[in-house]
C-alpha atoms as a PDB file:
ATOM      1  CA  LEU A   1     -62.768  16.158  48.539  1.00  0.00           C
ATOM      2  CA  LYS A   2     -64.616  13.110  47.256  1.00  0.00           C
ATOM      3  CA  VAL A   3     -62.438  10.101  46.468  1.00  0.00           C
ATOM      4  CA  LEU A   4     -63.743   7.500  44.036  1.00  0.00           C
ATOM      5  CA  THR A   5     -61.949   4.352  42.925  1.00  0.00           C
ATOM      6  CA  ALA A   6     -63.492   1.730  40.671  1.00  0.00           C
ATOM      7  CA  THR A   7     -62.760  -1.066  38.281  1.00  0.00           C
ATOM      8  CA  VAL A   8     -64.807  -0.468  35.141  1.00  0.00           C
ATOM      9  CA  PRO A   9     -65.533  -2.706  32.154  1.00  0.00           C
ATOM     10  CA  ALA A  10     -62.649  -2.994  29.697  1.00  0.00           C
ATOM     11  CA  GLU A  11     -62.974  -0.311  27.069  1.00  0.00           C
ATOM     12  CA  GLY A  12     -60.686   1.712  24.875  1.00  0.00           C
ATOM     13  CA  THR A  13     -58.596   4.507  26.314  1.00  0.00           C
ATOM     14  CA  GLU A  14     -60.767   7.172  24.690  1.00  0.00           C
ATOM     15  CA  ALA A  15     -63.920   5.781  26.316  1.00  0.00           C
ATOM     16  CA  LEU A  16     -62.130   5.622  29.667  1.00  0.00           C
ATOM     17  CA  ARG A  17     -60.974   9.210  29.217  1.00  0.00           C
ATOM     18  CA  ARG A  18     -64.513  10.363  28.400  1.00  0.00           C
ATOM     19  CA  ARG A  19     -65.795   8.661  31.549  1.00  0.00           C
ATOM     20  CA  GLY A  20     -63.178  10.501  33.608  1.00  0.00           C
ATOM     21  CA  ASP A  21     -63.920  13.816  31.900  1.00  0.00           C
ATOM     22  CA  VAL A  22     -67.582  13.538  32.882  1.00  0.00           C
ATOM     23  CA  LEU A  23     -66.642  12.906  36.518  1.00  0.00           C
ATOM     24  CA  ARG A  24     -64.186  15.795  36.603  1.00  0.00           C
ATOM     25  CA  GLU A  25     -66.599  18.249  34.971  1.00  0.00           C
ATOM     26  CA  ARG A  26     -69.558  17.344  37.195  1.00  0.00           C
ATOM     27  CA  GLU A  27     -67.642  17.302  40.481  1.00  0.00           C
ATOM     28  CA  PRO A  28     -64.958  19.970  40.982  1.00  0.00           C
ATOM     29  CA  ASN A  29     -63.981  18.335  44.285  1.00  0.00           C
ATOM     30  CA  ILE A  30     -63.507  14.809  42.885  1.00  0.00           C
ATOM     31  CA  VAL A  31     -60.406  12.664  42.951  1.00  0.00           C
ATOM     32  CA  ALA A  32     -61.139   9.552  40.899  1.00  0.00           C
ATOM     33  CA  VAL A  33     -59.062   6.589  39.785  1.00  0.00           C
ATOM     34  CA  LEU A  34     -60.625   4.199  37.295  1.00  0.00           C
ATOM     35  CA  ALA A  35     -59.064   0.888  36.270  1.00  0.00           C
ATOM     36  CA  ALA A  36     -59.931  -1.317  33.297  1.00  0.00           C
ATOM     37  CA  VAL A  37     -58.470  -4.787  32.767  1.00  0.00           C
ATOM     38  CA  LYS A  38     -58.054  -6.359  29.350  1.00  0.00           C
ATOM     39  CA  ASP A  39     -55.850  -9.244  28.257  1.00  0.00           C
ATOM     40  CA  GLY A  40     -54.018  -9.314  31.596  1.00  0.00           C
ATOM     41  CA  LYS A  41     -53.106  -5.623  31.465  1.00  0.00           C
ATOM     42  CA  ILE A  42     -54.466  -2.792  33.579  1.00  0.00           C
ATOM     43  CA  THR A  43     -55.205   0.671  32.247  1.00  0.00           C
ATOM     44  CA  PHE A  44     -55.544   3.369  34.904  1.00  0.00           C
ATOM     45  CA  LEU A  45     -57.062   6.815  34.596  1.00  0.00           C
ATOM     46  CA  ALA A  46     -56.820   9.386  37.368  1.00  0.00           C
ATOM     47  CA  VAL A  47     -58.785  12.631  37.285  1.00  0.00           C
ATOM     48  CA  CYS A  48     -58.854  15.515  39.735  1.00  0.00           C
ATOM     49  CA  GLY A  49     -61.442  18.272  39.713  1.00  0.00           C
ATOM     50  CA  SER A  50     -60.434  21.918  39.944  1.00  0.00           C
ATOM     51  CA  GLU A  51     -60.937  22.052  43.732  1.00  0.00           C
ATOM     52  CA  ALA A  52     -58.766  18.951  44.212  1.00  0.00           C
ATOM     53  CA  VAL A  53     -55.973  20.463  42.113  1.00  0.00           C
ATOM     54  CA  LYS A  54     -56.187  23.717  44.114  1.00  0.00           C
ATOM     55  CA  ALA A  55     -55.831  21.623  47.289  1.00  0.00           C
ATOM     56  CA  GLY A  56     -52.578  20.150  45.934  1.00  0.00           C
ATOM     57  CA  VAL A  57     -53.824  16.747  44.768  1.00  0.00           C
ATOM     58  CA  LYS A  58     -52.555  15.991  41.260  1.00  0.00           C
ATOM     59  CA  ALA A  59     -53.642  13.195  38.948  1.00  0.00           C
ATOM     60  CA  GLY A  60     -50.108  12.698  37.610  1.00  0.00           C
ATOM     61  CA  ASP A  61     -48.775  12.047  41.125  1.00  0.00           C
ATOM     62  CA  ILE A  62     -51.557   9.569  41.852  1.00  0.00           C
ATOM     63  CA  ILE A  63     -51.111   7.668  38.601  1.00  0.00           C
ATOM     64  CA  ARG A  64     -47.380   7.254  39.229  1.00  0.00           C
ATOM     65  CA  GLN A  65     -48.166   5.686  42.618  1.00  0.00           C
ATOM     66  CA  VAL A  66     -50.874   3.253  41.485  1.00  0.00           C
ATOM     67  CA  THR A  67     -48.992   2.143  38.382  1.00  0.00           C
ATOM     68  CA  ALA A  68     -45.801   1.554  40.367  1.00  0.00           C
ATOM     69  CA  LEU A  69     -47.705  -0.828  42.660  1.00  0.00           C
ATOM     70  CA  THR A  70     -48.833  -2.857  39.662  1.00  0.00           C
ATOM     71  CA  GLY A  71     -45.472  -2.979  37.918  1.00  0.00           C
ATOM     72  CA  GLY A  72     -46.153  -0.265  35.400  1.00  0.00           C
ATOM     73  CA  LYS A  73     -45.765   3.430  34.817  1.00  0.00           C
ATOM     74  CA  GLY A  74     -47.709   6.463  33.781  1.00  0.00           C
ATOM     75  CA  GLY A  75     -48.064  10.188  34.105  1.00  0.00           C
ATOM     76  CA  GLY A  76     -49.975  13.204  33.006  1.00  0.00           C
ATOM     77  CA  LYS A  77     -51.306  16.577  34.003  1.00  0.00           C
ATOM     78  CA  PRO A  78     -52.628  17.724  37.381  1.00  0.00           C
ATOM     79  CA  ASP A  79     -56.242  17.207  36.261  1.00  0.00           C
ATOM     80  CA  SER A  80     -55.924  14.015  34.168  1.00  0.00           C
ATOM     81  CA  ALA A  81     -53.348  11.234  33.880  1.00  0.00           C
ATOM     82  CA  MET A  82     -53.131   7.716  32.450  1.00  0.00           C
ATOM     83  CA  GLY A  83     -50.896   4.740  32.893  1.00  0.00           C
ATOM     84  CA  GLY A  84     -50.740   0.990  32.869  1.00  0.00           C
ATOM     85  CA  GLY A  85     -49.721  -1.991  34.922  1.00  0.00           C
ATOM     86  CA  HIS A  86     -49.650  -5.756  34.680  1.00  0.00           C
ATOM     87  CA  ASP A  87     -49.705  -7.192  38.217  1.00  0.00           C
ATOM     88  CA  LEU A  88     -53.408  -8.011  38.568  1.00  0.00           C
ATOM     89  CA  LEU A  89     -52.895  -9.294  42.121  1.00  0.00           C
ATOM     90  CA  MET A  90     -51.967  -5.763  43.207  1.00  0.00           C
ATOM     91  CA  LEU A  91     -54.908  -3.991  41.539  1.00  0.00           C
ATOM     92  CA  ASP A  92     -57.078  -3.825  44.664  1.00  0.00           C
ATOM     93  CA  ASN A  93     -54.119  -2.632  46.764  1.00  0.00           C
ATOM     94  CA  ALA A  94     -53.321   0.077  44.226  1.00  0.00           C
ATOM     95  CA  LEU A  95     -56.882   1.395  44.288  1.00  0.00           C
ATOM     96  CA  ALA A  96     -57.037   1.167  48.076  1.00  0.00           C
ATOM     97  CA  MET A  97     -53.951   3.351  48.500  1.00  0.00           C
ATOM     98  CA  VAL A  98     -55.632   6.315  46.764  1.00  0.00           C
ATOM     99  CA  ASP A  99     -57.509   7.318  49.942  1.00  0.00           C
ATOM    100  CA  ASN A 100     -54.259   7.365  51.931  1.00  0.00           C
ATOM    101  CA  PHE A 101     -52.431   9.260  49.203  1.00  0.00           C
ATOM    102  CA  VAL A 102     -55.085  11.991  49.155  1.00  0.00           C
ATOM    103  CA  ALA A 103     -55.133  12.175  52.957  1.00  0.00           C
ATOM    104  CA  MET A 104     -51.341  12.571  53.030  1.00  0.00           C
ATOM    105  CA  LYS A 105     -51.458  15.331  50.394  1.00  0.00           C
ATOM    106  CA  LEU A 106     -54.048  17.168  52.473  1.00  0.00           C
ATOM    107  CA  GLY A 107     -52.055  16.690  55.681  1.00  0.00           C
ATOM    108  CA  LEU A 108     -54.743  14.530  57.282  1.00  0.00           C
ATOM    109  CA  ASN A 109     -52.464  11.612  58.217  1.00  0.00           C
ATOM    110  CA  LYS A 110     -50.831  13.153  61.252  1.00  0.00           C
ATOM    111  CA  GLU A 111     -49.732  10.815  64.004  1.00  0.00           C
END
């Protein structure tokens, strides 16, 4: 799977959703989390391509994790989920944990 995390320019939720839809449609093996910051609030979008969902990685699970780290909440479907947060100091940490989350779901973090 390909994991992509990025902070994108602040835009409306529909524009963010369209951006995620393009990623998901072009790359069936993508797991992407996009974050946009506006007025001190973070909007997250997680998308998982069809191959990622088949492998057991779900956007709704990811969004619950990243939003919890930033003091927010969210949810959604296995292929697309949205949520928000407000702790800007934790934004980078939230995006960084996506790689580990995917690795754990795939059973790659064995000690």
